[in-house]
Protein backbone atom coordinates (compact mmCIF):
# COMPACT_ATOMS: atom_id res chain seq x y z
CA MET A 1 5.81 -24.56 -55.53
CA LYS A 2 8.16 -21.59 -55.49
CA ASN A 3 5.18 -19.35 -54.81
CA ILE A 4 4.17 -21.41 -51.73
CA ALA A 5 7.70 -21.37 -50.32
CA THR A 6 7.87 -17.59 -50.78
CA ARG A 7 4.56 -17.14 -48.97
CA ILE A 8 5.65 -19.34 -46.07
CA LEU A 9 8.89 -17.36 -45.73
CA LEU A 10 6.97 -14.10 -45.88
CA ILE A 11 4.54 -15.27 -43.17
CA ALA A 12 7.45 -16.47 -41.02
CA CYS A 13 9.14 -13.08 -41.40
CA LEU A 14 5.98 -11.37 -40.20
CA VAL A 15 5.23 -13.72 -37.31
CA VAL A 16 8.72 -13.97 -35.75
CA PRO A 17 9.03 -10.25 -34.84
CA PHE A 18 5.61 -10.29 -33.16
CA ALA A 19 6.53 -13.38 -31.16
CA ALA A 20 9.77 -11.69 -30.08
CA CYS A 21 7.85 -8.57 -29.01
CA LYS A 22 5.44 -10.69 -27.01
CA LYS A 23 8.32 -12.39 -25.18
CA GLN A 24 9.84 -8.98 -24.34
CA GLU A 25 6.49 -7.78 -23.00
CA GLU A 26 6.16 -10.92 -20.88
CA ALA A 27 9.66 -10.34 -19.51
CA LYS A 28 8.69 -6.79 -18.52
CA VAL A 29 5.56 -8.03 -16.74
CA ASP A 30 7.50 -10.73 -14.86
CA ALA A 31 10.18 -8.26 -13.69
CA GLU A 32 10.07 -7.44 -9.97
CA PRO A 33 9.38 -3.81 -9.08
CA ALA A 34 12.39 -1.86 -7.89
CA ALA A 35 13.12 -2.17 -4.18
CA LEU A 36 11.97 0.80 -2.15
CA VAL A 37 14.39 2.69 0.04
CA VAL A 38 13.05 4.16 3.27
CA PRO A 39 13.87 7.87 3.46
CA GLY A 40 15.56 9.49 6.44
CA LYS A 41 13.41 10.17 9.53
CA ASP A 42 13.21 13.93 8.80
CA ASP A 43 12.60 13.70 5.03
CA ASP A 44 8.90 14.62 4.87
CA ALA A 45 8.68 14.76 1.06
CA GLY A 46 10.61 11.48 0.75
CA TRP A 47 8.25 9.77 3.19
CA ARG A 48 5.17 10.96 1.33
CA THR A 49 6.54 9.53 -1.92
CA TYR A 50 7.64 6.30 -0.23
CA LEU A 51 4.26 5.74 1.44
CA SER A 52 2.38 6.45 -1.77
CA GLU A 53 4.43 3.79 -3.57
CA VAL A 54 4.04 1.24 -0.74
CA VAL A 55 0.27 1.74 -0.69
CA THR A 56 0.06 1.44 -4.48
CA ARG A 57 2.00 -1.84 -4.40
CA ASN A 58 -0.29 -3.25 -1.71
CA MET A 59 -3.68 -2.40 -3.19
CA GLY A 60 -4.17 -5.93 -4.50
CA ASN A 61 -7.68 -6.23 -5.91
CA ILE A 62 -8.92 -3.08 -4.14
CA THR A 63 -10.08 -0.44 -6.61
CA ASN A 64 -11.48 2.18 -4.22
CA THR A 65 -9.38 5.18 -3.23
CA PRO A 66 -7.52 4.21 -0.05
CA PHE A 67 -7.88 5.98 3.28
CA LEU A 68 -4.31 7.16 3.94
CA TYR A 69 -3.23 8.50 7.32
CA TYR A 70 0.22 10.07 7.50
CA LEU A 71 2.11 11.92 10.20
CA PRO A 72 5.11 14.12 9.40
CA PRO A 73 8.43 13.67 11.19
CA GLU A 74 8.32 14.46 14.91
CA SER A 75 10.75 17.31 14.19
CA ASP A 76 7.87 19.19 12.49
CA PRO A 77 7.02 22.17 14.74
CA GLU A 78 3.29 21.48 14.26
CA PHE A 79 3.56 17.73 14.84
CA ASP A 80 1.25 17.57 17.87
CA ALA A 81 -1.50 19.60 16.18
CA LYS A 82 -1.23 17.48 13.02
CA TYR A 83 -1.36 14.33 15.12
CA GLU A 84 -4.54 15.47 16.88
CA ARG A 85 -6.29 16.39 13.61
CA SER A 86 -5.32 13.15 11.87
CA ALA A 87 -6.25 11.03 14.89
CA GLU A 88 -9.69 12.64 15.03
CA GLN A 89 -10.23 12.13 11.29
CA ALA A 90 -9.20 8.47 11.48
CA LYS A 91 -11.31 7.77 14.56
CA ASN A 92 -14.40 9.40 12.98
CA ALA A 93 -14.00 7.60 9.64
CA ILE A 94 -13.58 4.20 11.26
CA ALA A 95 -16.42 4.83 13.71
CA ARG A 96 -18.76 5.57 10.75
CA GLY A 97 -17.75 2.22 9.30
CA ILE A 98 -15.55 1.18 6.41
CA VAL A 99 -17.08 -1.33 4.02
CA GLY A 100 -15.30 -4.24 2.39
CA GLY A 101 -13.21 -3.48 -0.66
CA ASN A 102 -11.43 -0.56 0.98
CA LEU A 103 -7.90 -0.06 2.24
CA ILE A 104 -6.87 1.94 5.29
CA ALA A 105 -3.15 2.77 5.40
CA PHE A 106 -1.21 4.14 8.35
CA GLY A 107 2.39 5.22 7.84
CA SER A 108 4.89 7.71 9.19
CA PRO A 109 8.52 8.21 10.14
CA ALA A 110 7.03 8.59 13.66
CA SER A 111 6.07 4.91 13.81
CA SER A 112 5.19 4.76 17.51
CA ARG A 113 2.84 7.74 17.32
CA MET A 114 1.26 6.38 14.13
CA ALA A 115 0.69 3.06 15.92
CA ASP A 116 -0.95 4.98 18.79
CA MET A 117 -3.29 6.58 16.25
CA ALA A 118 -4.17 3.28 14.57
CA VAL A 119 -4.84 1.55 17.88
CA ALA A 120 -7.00 4.43 19.17
CA SER A 121 -8.92 4.55 15.87
CA PHE A 122 -10.06 0.95 16.28
CA GLU A 123 -11.17 1.26 19.92
CA GLY A 124 -14.84 0.40 20.15
CA VAL A 125 -15.07 -1.24 16.71
CA GLU A 126 -17.30 -4.29 17.00
CA PRO A 127 -15.59 -7.62 16.25
CA GLY A 128 -16.01 -8.90 12.71
CA THR A 129 -17.63 -5.69 11.38
CA MET A 130 -14.91 -4.81 8.87
CA LYS A 131 -14.55 -7.99 6.83
CA GLY A 132 -13.11 -7.34 3.38
CA VAL A 133 -11.22 -4.25 4.55
CA ARG A 134 -7.43 -4.25 4.27
CA VAL A 135 -5.43 -2.37 6.90
CA LEU A 136 -1.85 -1.55 5.96
CA PHE A 137 0.62 -0.40 8.61
CA ILE A 138 4.04 0.86 7.53
CA GLY A 139 6.45 1.30 10.42
CA ASP A 140 8.62 -0.45 13.00
CA ALA A 141 8.16 -4.16 13.76
CA ALA A 142 7.29 -3.65 17.44
CA ASP A 143 4.59 -1.15 16.49
CA GLY A 144 3.28 -3.48 13.78
CA GLU A 145 2.47 -6.18 16.33
CA ARG A 146 0.66 -3.68 18.55
CA VAL A 147 -1.46 -2.46 15.62
CA LYS A 148 -2.17 -6.03 14.53
CA ALA A 149 -3.56 -6.89 17.97
CA ALA A 150 -5.83 -3.84 17.86
CA VAL A 151 -7.22 -4.17 14.32
CA GLU A 152 -7.57 -7.90 13.64
CA PRO A 153 -10.60 -8.42 15.92
CA ALA A 154 -12.56 -6.15 13.54
CA GLY A 155 -12.13 -8.85 10.88
CA VAL A 156 -9.78 -6.88 8.65
CA GLU A 157 -6.99 -8.27 6.49
CA TYR A 158 -3.89 -6.87 8.20
CA VAL A 159 -0.73 -6.19 6.21
CA PHE A 160 2.47 -5.01 7.87
CA ILE A 161 5.35 -3.43 5.96
CA GLU A 162 8.48 -2.85 8.00
CA ALA A 163 10.06 0.51 7.22
CA LYS A 164 13.72 -0.43 7.42
């Protein structure tokens, strides 16, 4: 009898720490990710880091590498040239067609110009041809509505993140 009681105590001593570890792991999983802080309008490096984190948090079940379009702050001396190159790349990629299971992200401290790029990129896209594609726009609320109106006819899942 004493032997059985000792074994039960020994088993209990082994099981309790594992159960406690499991509860701690569950608590870590349930914890909300830290809130993101939008960098200043002229903080190029900060914006790149911020956008990368926002895109990562909004991948959902998408496993393909996202298409990410970024514009530097408008204070960048080469802003217009960078805008033209990025706009051409985005327009060409979307014109070739993006298949379901992909994410296209547009984000910049220059929200209005980024919205212009997103809207122009979807001109001529046939309605319903991009089902299963997620489009993420990170910017100002007014620009988000403009982008939504331009991209939703393509059949995409539109996600707006206000950069505030």
